[in-house]
PDB file of N, CA and C in Angstrom:
ATOM      1  N   MET A   1      30.606   4.784  -5.851  1.00  0.00           N
ATOM      2  CA  MET A   1      29.808   3.717  -6.422  1.00  0.00           C
ATOM      3  C   MET A   1      28.889   3.084  -5.369  1.00  0.00           C
ATOM      4  N   VAL A   2      29.389   2.964  -4.151  1.00  0.00           N
ATOM      5  CA  VAL A   2      28.595   2.380  -3.070  1.00  0.00           C
ATOM      6  C   VAL A   2      27.377   3.250  -2.779  1.00  0.00           C
ATOM      7  N   ILE A   3      27.571   4.546  -2.832  1.00  0.00           N
ATOM      8  CA  ILE A   3      26.464   5.467  -2.564  1.00  0.00           C
ATOM      9  C   ILE A   3      25.359   5.307  -3.593  1.00  0.00           C
ATOM     10  N   ILE A   4      25.725   5.099  -4.839  1.00  0.00           N
ATOM     11  CA  ILE A   4      24.722   4.910  -5.897  1.00  0.00           C
ATOM     12  C   ILE A   4      23.923   3.640  -5.643  1.00  0.00           C
ATOM     13  N   TRP A   5      24.598   2.544  -5.318  1.00  0.00           N
ATOM     14  CA  TRP A   5      23.897   1.281  -5.049  1.00  0.00           C
ATOM     15  C   TRP A   5      23.057   1.376  -3.792  1.00  0.00           C
ATOM     16  N   LEU A   6      23.527   2.093  -2.806  1.00  0.00           N
ATOM     17  CA  LEU A   6      22.758   2.294  -1.593  1.00  0.00           C
ATOM     18  C   LEU A   6      21.487   3.074  -1.903  1.00  0.00           C
ATOM     19  N   PHE A   7      21.618   4.096  -2.726  1.00  0.00           N
ATOM     20  CA  PHE A   7      20.465   4.898  -3.128  1.00  0.00           C
ATOM     21  C   PHE A   7      19.459   4.059  -3.907  1.00  0.00           C
ATOM     22  N   ILE A   8      19.958   3.241  -4.830  1.00  0.00           N
ATOM     23  CA  ILE A   8      19.086   2.371  -5.634  1.00  0.00           C
ATOM     24  C   ILE A   8      18.368   1.363  -4.734  1.00  0.00           C
ATOM     25  N   GLY A   9      19.033   0.881  -3.708  1.00  0.00           N
ATOM     26  CA  GLY A   9      18.405  -0.056  -2.777  1.00  0.00           C
ATOM     27  C   GLY A   9      17.444   0.595  -1.815  1.00  0.00           C
ATOM     28  N   LEU A  10      17.698   1.841  -1.462  1.00  0.00           N
ATOM     29  CA  LEU A  10      16.840   2.519  -0.487  1.00  0.00           C
ATOM     30  C   LEU A  10      15.518   3.003  -1.080  1.00  0.00           C
ATOM     31  N   ILE A  11      15.489   3.269  -2.353  1.00  0.00           N
ATOM     32  CA  ILE A  11      14.233   3.741  -2.963  1.00  0.00           C
ATOM     33  C   ILE A  11      13.118   2.706  -2.830  1.00  0.00           C
ATOM     34  N   PRO A  12      13.320   1.441  -3.258  1.00  0.00           N
ATOM     35  CA  PRO A  12      12.237   0.468  -3.096  1.00  0.00           C
ATOM     36  C   PRO A  12      11.890   0.186  -1.635  1.00  0.00           C
ATOM     37  N   ILE A  13      12.894   0.151  -0.778  1.00  0.00           N
ATOM     38  CA  ILE A  13      12.622  -0.113   0.632  1.00  0.00           C
ATOM     39  C   ILE A  13      11.831   1.037   1.249  1.00  0.00           C
ATOM     40  N   SER A  14      12.217   2.262   0.944  1.00  0.00           N
ATOM     41  CA  SER A  14      11.493   3.427   1.468  1.00  0.00           C
ATOM     42  C   SER A  14      10.061   3.456   0.966  1.00  0.00           C
ATOM     43  N   LEU A  15       9.870   3.148  -0.292  1.00  0.00           N
ATOM     44  CA  LEU A  15       8.528   3.117  -0.873  1.00  0.00           C
ATOM     45  C   LEU A  15       7.678   2.049  -0.193  1.00  0.00           C
ATOM     46  N   SER A  16       8.270   0.891   0.052  1.00  0.00           N
ATOM     47  CA  SER A  16       7.545  -0.194   0.713  1.00  0.00           C
ATOM     48  C   SER A  16       7.199   0.147   2.158  1.00  0.00           C
ATOM     49  N   VAL A  17       8.119   0.776   2.863  1.00  0.00           N
ATOM     50  CA  VAL A  17       7.847   1.165   4.251  1.00  0.00           C
ATOM     51  C   VAL A  17       6.741   2.217   4.297  1.00  0.00           C
ATOM     52  N   TRP A  18       6.768   3.164   3.368  1.00  0.00           N
ATOM     53  CA  TRP A  18       5.704   4.172   3.301  1.00  0.00           C
ATOM     54  C   TRP A  18       4.351   3.498   3.065  1.00  0.00           C
ATOM     55  N   ALA A  19       4.294   2.582   2.098  1.00  0.00           N
ATOM     56  CA  ALA A  19       3.045   1.884   1.801  1.00  0.00           C
ATOM     57  C   ALA A  19       2.590   1.059   3.005  1.00  0.00           C
ATOM     58  N   LEU A  20       3.522   0.398   3.669  1.00  0.00           N
ATOM     59  CA  LEU A  20       3.183  -0.427   4.830  1.00  0.00           C
ATOM     60  C   LEU A  20       2.610   0.421   5.961  1.00  0.00           C
ATOM     61  N   LEU A  21       3.247   1.543   6.253  1.00  0.00           N
ATOM     62  CA  LEU A  21       2.756   2.416   7.321  1.00  0.00           C
ATOM     63  C   LEU A  21       1.400   3.033   6.962  1.00  0.00           C
ATOM     64  N   ASP A  22       1.228   3.417   5.710  1.00  0.00           N
ATOM     65  CA  ASP A  22      -0.045   3.987   5.287  1.00  0.00           C
ATOM     66  C   ASP A  22      -1.154   2.941   5.379  1.00  0.00           C
ATOM     67  N   CYS A  23      -0.852   1.739   4.943  1.00  0.00           N
ATOM     68  CA  CYS A  23      -1.822   0.644   4.993  1.00  0.00           C
ATOM     69  C   CYS A  23      -2.221   0.333   6.438  1.00  0.00           C
ATOM     70  N   ALA A  24      -1.250   0.327   7.322  1.00  0.00           N
ATOM     71  CA  ALA A  24      -1.514  -0.008   8.727  1.00  0.00           C
ATOM     72  C   ALA A  24      -2.329   1.057   9.444  1.00  0.00           C
ATOM     73  N   GLN A  25      -2.199   2.314   9.043  1.00  0.00           N
ATOM     74  CA  GLN A  25      -2.899   3.380   9.778  1.00  0.00           C
ATOM     75  C   GLN A  25      -4.333   3.608   9.309  1.00  0.00           C
ATOM     76  N   ARG A  26      -4.732   2.975   8.210  1.00  0.00           N
ATOM     77  CA  ARG A  26      -6.119   3.116   7.740  1.00  0.00           C
ATOM     78  C   ARG A  26      -7.047   2.285   8.617  1.00  0.00           C
ATOM     79  N   PRO A  27      -8.233   2.812   8.980  1.00  0.00           N
ATOM     80  CA  PRO A  27      -9.132   2.067   9.875  1.00  0.00           C
ATOM     81  C   PRO A  27      -9.728   0.828   9.197  1.00  0.00           C
ATOM     82  N   PRO A  28      -9.941  -0.231   9.967  1.00  0.00           N
ATOM     83  CA  PRO A  28     -10.489  -1.469   9.392  1.00  0.00           C
ATOM     84  C   PRO A  28     -11.852  -1.287   8.734  1.00  0.00           C
ATOM     85  N   TRP A  29     -12.681  -0.398   9.268  1.00  0.00           N
ATOM     86  CA  TRP A  29     -14.005  -0.220   8.670  1.00  0.00           C
ATOM     87  C   TRP A  29     -13.909   0.336   7.252  1.00  0.00           C
ATOM     88  N   ALA A  30     -12.913   1.163   6.973  1.00  0.00           N
ATOM     89  CA  ALA A  30     -12.750   1.701   5.619  1.00  0.00           C
ATOM     90  C   ALA A  30     -12.381   0.589   4.649  1.00  0.00           C
ATOM     91  N   TRP A  31     -11.559  -0.336   5.092  1.00  0.00           N
ATOM     92  CA  TRP A  31     -11.193  -1.481   4.260  1.00  0.00           C
ATOM     93  C   TRP A  31     -12.416  -2.346   3.976  1.00  0.00           C
ATOM     94  N   SER A  32     -13.253  -2.553   5.001  1.00  0.00           N
ATOM     95  CA  SER A  32     -14.453  -3.370   4.825  1.00  0.00           C
ATOM     96  C   SER A  32     -15.408  -2.732   3.822  1.00  0.00           C
ATOM     97  N   PHE A  33     -15.644  -1.435   3.968  1.00  0.00           N
ATOM     98  CA  PHE A  33     -16.527  -0.746   3.040  1.00  0.00           C
ATOM     99  C   PHE A  33     -15.986  -0.776   1.616  1.00  0.00           C
ATOM    100  N   ALA A  34     -14.693  -0.705   1.465  1.00  0.00           N
ATOM    101  CA  ALA A  34     -14.080  -0.722   0.130  1.00  0.00           C
ATOM    102  C   ALA A  34     -13.983  -2.136  -0.444  1.00  0.00           C
ATOM    103  N   GLY A  35     -14.280  -3.140   0.369  1.00  0.00           N
ATOM    104  CA  GLY A  35     -14.235  -4.516  -0.107  1.00  0.00           C
ATOM    105  C   GLY A  35     -12.821  -5.047  -0.285  1.00  0.00           C
ATOM    106  N   ARG A  36     -11.891  -4.564   0.502  1.00  0.00           N
ATOM    107  CA  ARG A  36     -10.493  -4.986   0.425  1.00  0.00           C
ATOM    108  C   ARG A  36     -10.077  -5.604   1.763  1.00  0.00           C
ATOM    109  N   SER A  37      -8.997  -6.349   1.741  1.00  0.00           N
ATOM    110  CA  SER A  37      -8.489  -6.985   2.947  1.00  0.00           C
ATOM    111  C   SER A  37      -7.216  -6.272   3.410  1.00  0.00           C
ATOM    112  N   GLN A  38      -7.315  -5.629   4.557  1.00  0.00           N
ATOM    113  CA  GLN A  38      -6.161  -4.918   5.100  1.00  0.00           C
ATOM    114  C   GLN A  38      -5.042  -5.892   5.449  1.00  0.00           C
ATOM    115  N   VAL A  39      -5.386  -7.029   6.011  1.00  0.00           N
ATOM    116  CA  VAL A  39      -4.383  -8.012   6.412  1.00  0.00           C
ATOM    117  C   VAL A  39      -3.626  -8.540   5.196  1.00  0.00           C
ATOM    118  N   ALA A  40      -4.354  -8.802   4.109  1.00  0.00           N
ATOM    119  CA  ALA A  40      -3.698  -9.306   2.895  1.00  0.00           C
ATOM    120  C   ALA A  40      -2.730  -8.280   2.324  1.00  0.00           C
ATOM    121  N   TRP A  41      -3.135  -7.015   2.306  1.00  0.00           N
ATOM    122  CA  TRP A  41      -2.248  -5.975   1.781  1.00  0.00           C
ATOM    123  C   TRP A  41      -1.061  -5.742   2.702  1.00  0.00           C
ATOM    124  N   LEU A  42      -1.280  -5.772   4.010  1.00  0.00           N
ATOM    125  CA  LEU A  42      -0.161  -5.628   4.942  1.00  0.00           C
ATOM    126  C   LEU A  42       0.847  -6.765   4.740  1.00  0.00           C
ATOM    127  N   GLY A  43       0.344  -7.985   4.595  1.00  0.00           N
ATOM    128  CA  GLY A  43       1.224  -9.132   4.383  1.00  0.00           C
ATOM    129  C   GLY A  43       1.987  -9.046   3.079  1.00  0.00           C
ATOM    130  N   ALA A  44       1.291  -8.667   2.016  1.00  0.00           N
ATOM    131  CA  ALA A  44       1.945  -8.578   0.706  1.00  0.00           C
ATOM    132  C   ALA A  44       3.023  -7.500   0.692  1.00  0.00           C
ATOM    133  N   ILE A  45       2.728  -6.362   1.271  1.00  0.00           N
ATOM    134  CA  ILE A  45       3.712  -5.271   1.297  1.00  0.00           C
ATOM    135  C   ILE A  45       4.889  -5.646   2.197  1.00  0.00           C
ATOM    136  N   ALA A  46       4.604  -6.247   3.367  1.00  0.00           N
ATOM    137  CA  ALA A  46       5.684  -6.641   4.277  1.00  0.00           C
ATOM    138  C   ALA A  46       6.581  -7.691   3.631  1.00  0.00           C
ATOM    139  N   PHE A  47       5.984  -8.648   2.941  1.00  0.00           N
ATOM    140  CA  PHE A  47       6.771  -9.661   2.237  1.00  0.00           C
ATOM    141  C   PHE A  47       7.580  -9.026   1.115  1.00  0.00           C
ATOM    142  N   GLY A  48       6.990  -8.066   0.439  1.00  0.00           N
ATOM    143  CA  GLY A  48       7.646  -7.407  -0.679  1.00  0.00           C
ATOM    144  C   GLY A  48       8.855  -6.574  -0.290  1.00  0.00           C
ATOM    145  N   ILE A  49       8.952  -6.189   0.976  1.00  0.00           N
ATOM    146  CA  ILE A  49      10.117  -5.417   1.416  1.00  0.00           C
ATOM    147  C   ILE A  49      11.401  -6.211   1.181  1.00  0.00           C
ATOM    148  N   PHE A  50      11.328  -7.528   1.322  1.00  0.00           N
ATOM    149  CA  PHE A  50      12.512  -8.369   1.156  1.00  0.00           C
ATOM    150  C   PHE A  50      12.873  -8.630  -0.306  1.00  0.00           C
ATOM    151  N   LEU A  51      11.928  -8.409  -1.205  1.00  0.00           N
ATOM    152  CA  LEU A  51      12.165  -8.610  -2.636  1.00  0.00           C
ATOM    153  C   LEU A  51      12.033  -7.251  -3.318  1.00  0.00           C
ATOM    154  N   LEU A  52      13.139  -6.585  -3.526  1.00  0.00           N
ATOM    155  CA  LEU A  52      13.143  -5.164  -3.884  1.00  0.00           C
ATOM    156  C   LEU A  52      12.220  -4.802  -5.043  1.00  0.00           C
ATOM    157  N   ILE A  53      12.422  -5.397  -6.209  1.00  0.00           N
ATOM    158  CA  ILE A  53      11.619  -5.020  -7.380  1.00  0.00           C
ATOM    159  C   ILE A  53      10.172  -5.461  -7.209  1.00  0.00           C
ATOM    160  N   PHE A  54       9.966  -6.688  -6.730  1.00  0.00           N
ATOM    161  CA  PHE A  54       8.614  -7.186  -6.489  1.00  0.00           C
ATOM    162  C   PHE A  54       7.912  -6.330  -5.437  1.00  0.00           C
ATOM    163  N   GLY A  55       8.640  -5.990  -4.386  1.00  0.00           N
ATOM    164  CA  GLY A  55       8.074  -5.159  -3.329  1.00  0.00           C
ATOM    165  C   GLY A  55       7.727  -3.760  -3.797  1.00  0.00           C
ATOM    166  N   MET A  56       8.571  -3.213  -4.657  1.00  0.00           N
ATOM    167  CA  MET A  56       8.288  -1.890  -5.195  1.00  0.00           C
ATOM    168  C   MET A  56       7.035  -1.925  -6.065  1.00  0.00           C
ATOM    169  N   THR A  57       6.861  -2.998  -6.818  1.00  0.00           N
ATOM    170  CA  THR A  57       5.670  -3.148  -7.660  1.00  0.00           C
ATOM    171  C   THR A  57       4.407  -3.238  -6.798  1.00  0.00           C
ATOM    172  N   ILE A  58       4.449  -4.053  -5.759  1.00  0.00           N
ATOM    173  CA  ILE A  58       3.297  -4.180  -4.858  1.00  0.00           C
ATOM    174  C   ILE A  58       2.996  -2.846  -4.188  1.00  0.00           C
ATOM    175  N   SER A  59       4.031  -2.195  -3.711  1.00  0.00           N
ATOM    176  CA  SER A  59       3.837  -0.915  -3.015  1.00  0.00           C
ATOM    177  C   SER A  59       3.281   0.151  -3.940  1.00  0.00           C
ATOM    178  N   LEU A  60       3.799   0.222  -5.150  1.00  0.00           N
ATOM    179  CA  LEU A  60       3.270   1.189  -6.112  1.00  0.00           C
ATOM    180  C   LEU A  60       1.819   0.894  -6.453  1.00  0.00           C
ATOM    181  N   TRP A  61       1.499  -0.385  -6.613  1.00  0.00           N
ATOM    182  CA  TRP A  61       0.108  -0.765  -6.917  1.00  0.00           C
ATOM    183  C   TRP A  61      -0.798  -0.319  -5.768  1.00  0.00           C
ATOM    184  N   TYR A  62      -0.376  -0.561  -4.541  1.00  0.00           N
ATOM    185  CA  TYR A  62      -1.169  -0.131  -3.395  1.00  0.00           C
ATOM    186  C   TYR A  62      -1.326   1.388  -3.369  1.00  0.00           C
ATOM    187  N   LEU A  63      -0.211   2.107  -3.505  1.00  0.00           N
ATOM    188  CA  LEU A  63      -0.251   3.562  -3.378  1.00  0.00           C
ATOM    189  C   LEU A  63      -1.028   4.232  -4.503  1.00  0.00           C
ATOM    190  N   ILE A  64      -1.000   3.653  -5.698  1.00  0.00           N
ATOM    191  CA  ILE A  64      -1.654   4.282  -6.850  1.00  0.00           C
ATOM    192  C   ILE A  64      -3.092   3.803  -7.041  1.00  0.00           C
ATOM    193  N   ARG A  65      -3.351   2.517  -6.825  1.00  0.00           N
ATOM    194  CA  ARG A  65      -4.669   1.959  -7.137  1.00  0.00           C
ATOM    195  C   ARG A  65      -5.563   1.715  -5.917  1.00  0.00           C
ATOM    196  N   ILE A  66      -5.007   1.252  -4.825  1.00  0.00           N
ATOM    197  CA  ILE A  66      -5.820   0.856  -3.669  1.00  0.00           C
ATOM    198  C   ILE A  66      -5.998   2.000  -2.680  1.00  0.00           C
ATOM    199  N   ARG A  67      -4.926   2.676  -2.360  1.00  0.00           N
ATOM    200  CA  ARG A  67      -4.949   3.752  -1.361  1.00  0.00           C
ATOM    201  C   ARG A  67      -5.999   4.825  -1.654  1.00  0.00           C
ATOM    202  N   PRO A  68      -6.142   5.289  -2.908  1.00  0.00           N
ATOM    203  CA  PRO A  68      -7.173   6.311  -3.153  1.00  0.00           C
ATOM    204  C   PRO A  68      -8.595   5.847  -2.820  1.00  0.00           C
ATOM    205  N   HIS A  69      -8.897   4.567  -3.051  1.00  0.00           N
ATOM    206  CA  HIS A  69     -10.230   4.049  -2.719  1.00  0.00           C
ATOM    207  C   HIS A  69     -10.447   4.026  -1.208  1.00  0.00           C
ATOM    208  N   ILE A  70      -9.438   3.550  -0.485  1.00  0.00           N
ATOM    209  CA  ILE A  70      -9.562   3.477   0.970  1.00  0.00           C
ATOM    210  C   ILE A  70      -9.647   4.885   1.562  1.00  0.00           C
ATOM    211  N   ALA A  71      -8.835   5.793   1.059  1.00  0.00           N
ATOM    212  CA  ALA A  71      -8.853   7.175   1.564  1.00  0.00           C
ATOM    213  C   ALA A  71     -10.185   7.851   1.258  1.00  0.00           C
ATOM    214  N   ALA A  72     -10.764   7.570   0.092  1.00  0.00           N
ATOM    215  CA  ALA A  72     -12.062   8.159  -0.262  1.00  0.00           C
ATOM    216  C   ALA A  72     -13.155   7.651   0.676  1.00  0.00           C
ATOM    217  N   VAL A  73     -13.154   6.356   0.954  1.00  0.00           N
ATOM    218  CA  VAL A  73     -14.147   5.795   1.877  1.00  0.00           C
ATOM    219  C   VAL A  73     -13.944   6.386   3.271  1.00  0.00           C
ATOM    220  N   GLU A  74     -12.715   6.506   3.681  1.00  0.00           N
ATOM    221  CA  GLU A  74     -12.408   7.073   4.993  1.00  0.00           C
ATOM    222  C   GLU A  74     -12.897   8.514   5.097  1.00  0.00           C
ATOM    223  N   ALA A  75     -12.867   9.235   3.980  1.00  0.00           N
ATOM    224  CA  ALA A  75     -13.322  10.630   3.960  1.00  0.00           C
ATOM    225  C   ALA A  75     -14.834  10.745   3.784  1.00  0.00           C
ATOM    226  N   GLY A  76     -15.520   9.602   3.582  1.00  0.00           N
ATOM    227  CA  GLY A  76     -16.974   9.625   3.456  1.00  0.00           C
ATOM    228  C   GLY A  76     -17.491   9.585   2.037  1.00  0.00           C
ATOM    229  N   ASP A  77     -16.620   9.368   1.070  1.00  0.00           N
ATOM    230  CA  ASP A  77     -17.028   9.304  -0.338  1.00  0.00           C
ATOM    231  C   ASP A  77     -17.251   7.842  -0.706  1.00  0.00           C
ATOM    232  N   PHE A  78     -18.523   7.447  -0.792  1.00  0.00           N
ATOM    233  CA  PHE A  78     -18.854   6.062  -1.107  1.00  0.00           C
ATOM    234  C   PHE A  78     -19.236   5.856  -2.563  1.00  0.00           C
ATOM    235  N   ARG A  79     -19.006   6.876  -3.393  1.00  0.00           N
ATOM    236  CA  ARG A  79     -19.296   6.718  -4.816  1.00  0.00           C
ATOM    237  C   ARG A  79     -18.318   5.732  -5.427  1.00  0.00           C
ATOM    238  N   GLY A  80     -18.785   4.964  -6.361  1.00  0.00           N
ATOM    239  CA  GLY A  80     -17.921   4.021  -7.048  1.00  0.00           C
ATOM    240  C   GLY A  80     -17.791   2.673  -6.357  1.00  0.00           C
ATOM    241  N   LEU A  81     -18.431   2.525  -5.213  1.00  0.00           N
ATOM    242  CA  LEU A  81     -18.387   1.247  -4.536  1.00  0.00           C
ATOM    243  C   LEU A  81     -19.559   0.393  -4.974  1.00  0.00           C
ATOM    244  N   ASP A  82     -19.364  -0.905  -4.992  1.00  0.00           N
ATOM    245  CA  ASP A  82     -20.416  -1.839  -5.365  1.00  0.00           C
ATOM    246  C   ASP A  82     -21.473  -1.856  -4.258  1.00  0.00           C
ATOM    247  N   PRO A  83     -22.756  -1.585  -4.587  1.00  0.00           N
ATOM    248  CA  PRO A  83     -23.783  -1.499  -3.551  1.00  0.00           C
ATOM    249  C   PRO A  83     -24.145  -2.840  -2.926  1.00  0.00           C
ATOM    250  N   SER A  84     -23.703  -3.949  -3.486  1.00  0.00           N
ATOM    251  CA  SER A  84     -24.108  -5.254  -2.948  1.00  0.00           C
ATOM    252  C   SER A  84     -23.302  -5.692  -1.774  1.00  0.00           C
TER     253      SER A  84
END
């Protein structure tokens, strides 16, 4: 039974750590071009590590919705960005 609870607890923490490390390794210029705040996302994900379900939600939102935009800008794809 302990192993099951440990597994259930490790999934959100692992997801949050992955999101935190991915967020931290993206260059600041990519965040600027995408119009996002790297510091705000780092803070939200780091705070979310302590709140399992909330942290998993933040991390999933980052990995599914924000990360693809930052990665696209980092790769040189500026389509879909607001020109202003």
